[in-house]
Amino acid sequence: MGCGASAIRPNNRPTVEDLRKKYSTAGAKGDSLHAAAPGARFLRSGASLERMLDTNAVLVVVRVRPLNKRETEAGSAECIRIESSTMLTIDAAGTAGRQMAFDAVFRSDASSEDVYARSGRMVLTKVLDGYNGCVFAYGQTGSGKTYTMQGTAATPGVIPQLCDELFERISRMAEVKEVRVYATMCEIYNERLNDLLTRGADDNCRDLVIKEDKAAGGRGIFVDGLSEHHVESSSDVQHLIGDGQARRAVGRTDMNEHSSRSHSVVTLRIETCDVGDLERISATSSKLHLIDLAGSERQKGTGATGERLKEGAQINLSLTALGNVISALTEKNRGHVPYRDSKLTRLLQDSLGGNSVTVMLCNASPAAINGEETLSALRFAERAKKIENVATINRDPKAARAAELFEENKKLKQKIDLLEAHILELEKYY
């Protein structure tokens, strides 16, 4: 008879190592997002980006659009080469062959679904867990920001895809979670913050004030007097956004027939609680900003005059203030961060360096005739990559402590159950 373990183990008795594995409390965390197919050099896996968000980094992704009709008719060459799913090379403004790295880079043939899966979907997952979230589109005028965020009926952008998935998930969670969603929409136009969802020429919805609730578990940064609407479906949200877009300030420039002349901010406030939790120990309240920024622009390129010129100057001042905030946040010895220099930066205070999970979608034109503006936008995005946020689940502090103790007790009970089962099998065989 052999002397191996299998020879002396009666009735195929499991080894102690087998039992250890069976009753181990450690489990591998699986990817929650679709990974890129093997060899998909130009499409980074969503799961790897999700892990980056878990480190509190601001995620920066770049989407390069195709040449448009104006650029093609001008005979413009392309100044951007996509090297991989995270790297591009730009030849512009005396920087021939400069390589730049980002968290993800999308070629012009990337689908809207690809972009959403690697931006909005990840933020939505965190928001439903109780974290604040922000997705904002940045780039020069005409670079495709509104297309990326809103899309078209045939190719929905980040916002409609996110709203569809939000209410699909709410429906699937109905047996265990109660979820209520509220929507607001405002614009920042010439440094005035206006409610886009209030009908009529009501002066009470114009030039609203941004305030801060610093109380533990409070609202944080919010717009005082902004109308809030309870929504129960994706179509409810889309209907409100359609109303708001009709009131948004737009105008024609030489670079864009329908140039956005204001920053648009859609905010979803999401309240969740476990079904049957009468004491609301599990309750969370998170907010999700979905922001389509007005485009940076040069007067020479847009041909703007009169009112368009004044609007462009205000847009550029606002975006300069945003750049100053990002620079201050990325300094080694951080000092004063000038959030209050503009309405935009004040509204984004939680989202940049604060309590939020944030994705920046930098939109870029590949045309050499726009090379200087494209390089400027990419440099801006490069700086934003260095920002670190401090995201925490939003719940009442007393409820948070109770939930923490409840979760700790639950884990201890699970360990005890596993240990008792382990002991029973050991007694059975040994």
Foldseek 3Di string as FASTA:
>chain_A
DDPDPCVPFPPCADDLVVLCVVLPPDDDDDQPAAQDPPPQFQAGTLSVLLVVLVQQFAAEEEEAAAADPVLVVVVFDFFWDDPGQFKIFGDADPRHGDMDGGNGYHYNPDALVSVLRNAVVSQLVVVVQFFAAEEEEAAAWLLCLCCQQQNDPVGGHNLLVNQQVNLVVCVVCVQWKDKWKKKFKWKQFLQKIAGLQDDDPDPLRIRWDWDADPDALDDGIDTPPTDMGTDNGSVRVVVSVVSSVVVFDFDAFQSHGTFGLIKMKMKMWMWMATPPPPVRLVIHIYMYIYIYQGRQDDCVRGVDDDPRVSSNVSSNQVVVLVLQQLVLQQDPPRDDRPQVSGPVSVNCVCVFQHAYRHYYYYGAYRTRVCSVRRVVSSVSSSSSSRTGYDHDRRDHPVSPVVVVVVVVVVVVVSSVVSVVVSVVSVVVRD
